[in-house]
Amino acid sequence: MIIHLTDVQSAFVKNFDGKVELIKDGKTANAKSIFNVMALGISQDTEVTVRLDGENEEENLKKLVEFIENLED
């Protein structure tokens, strides 16, 4: 699966309260900044960790994971 980062960012992440971070190979990026996310070099079959901190973080995490899992190539 290829993660379309601009889709993720525009559809969900920018609307979340608090911090949203993506972690890959020990590097952390603010998921609200497309440039920071692109710098991680996420590609197909890349494993990333998603970390949220703020209001409704559990609900937002579920929404984000569901969105990512349903992306098509």
Protein backbone atom coordinates (compact mmCIF):
# COMPACT_ATOMS: atom_id res chain seq x y z
CA MET A 1 0.00 0.00 0.00
CA ILE A 2 1.25 3.48 -0.79
CA ILE A 3 0.31 6.05 1.81
CA HIS A 4 -0.86 9.21 0.11
CA LEU A 5 0.47 11.63 2.68
CA THR A 6 -1.31 14.66 1.33
CA ASP A 7 -4.60 12.77 1.63
CA VAL A 8 -3.88 11.80 5.22
CA GLN A 9 -2.83 15.31 6.13
CA SER A 10 -5.73 17.14 4.52
CA ALA A 11 -8.45 14.68 5.47
CA PHE A 12 -7.62 14.16 9.12
CA VAL A 13 -4.40 15.25 10.74
CA LYS A 14 -4.72 19.02 10.42
CA ASN A 15 -8.11 18.88 12.14
CA PHE A 16 -6.88 16.95 15.18
CA ASP A 17 -6.31 18.85 18.41
CA GLY A 18 -2.87 18.35 19.92
CA LYS A 19 0.21 16.68 18.49
CA VAL A 20 0.22 14.03 15.80
CA GLU A 21 3.55 12.41 15.07
CA LEU A 22 4.81 9.72 12.73
CA ILE A 23 7.88 7.73 13.73
CA LYS A 24 10.05 5.74 11.31
CA ASP A 25 13.48 4.26 12.03
CA GLY A 26 13.84 6.38 15.18
CA LYS A 27 13.03 9.63 13.37
CA THR A 28 9.95 11.60 14.42
CA ALA A 29 7.95 13.96 12.22
CA ASN A 30 5.12 16.34 12.96
CA ALA A 31 2.33 14.81 10.86
CA LYS A 32 0.73 18.24 10.43
CA SER A 33 3.69 19.31 8.31
CA ILE A 34 3.78 17.60 4.92
CA PHE A 35 7.46 18.53 4.53
CA ASN A 36 8.39 16.82 7.82
CA VAL A 37 6.43 13.73 6.82
CA MET A 38 8.01 13.60 3.36
CA ALA A 39 11.45 13.79 4.98
CA LEU A 40 10.76 10.43 6.67
CA GLY A 41 10.78 8.74 3.26
CA ILE A 42 7.72 6.59 3.88
CA SER A 43 7.08 4.20 1.00
CA GLN A 44 5.03 1.10 0.29
CA ASP A 45 5.27 -1.52 3.05
CA THR A 46 7.04 0.90 5.39
CA GLU A 47 6.20 0.39 9.04
CA VAL A 48 5.51 3.58 10.96
CA THR A 49 4.35 4.36 14.47
CA VAL A 50 1.62 6.94 14.94
CA ARG A 51 1.62 8.93 18.19
CA LEU A 52 -1.14 11.33 19.20
CA ASP A 53 -1.30 13.57 22.23
CA GLY A 54 -4.30 15.77 22.93
CA GLU A 55 -8.05 15.80 23.17
CA ASN A 56 -9.86 12.76 21.75
CA GLU A 57 -6.55 11.06 20.99
CA GLU A 58 -7.95 7.51 21.16
CA GLU A 59 -10.87 8.36 18.87
CA ASN A 60 -8.61 10.25 16.46
CA LEU A 61 -6.10 7.39 16.39
CA LYS A 62 -8.82 4.93 15.44
CA LYS A 63 -9.99 7.24 12.64
CA LEU A 64 -6.46 7.73 11.32
CA VAL A 65 -5.57 4.02 11.38
CA GLU A 66 -8.85 3.15 9.66
CA PHE A 67 -8.21 5.77 6.99
CA ILE A 68 -4.66 4.54 6.33
CA GLU A 69 -5.71 0.88 6.22
CA ASN A 70 -8.37 1.71 3.63
CA LEU A 71 -6.08 3.60 1.25
CA GLU A 72 -5.68 2.02 -2.16
CA ASP A 73 -2.64 2.04 -4.39
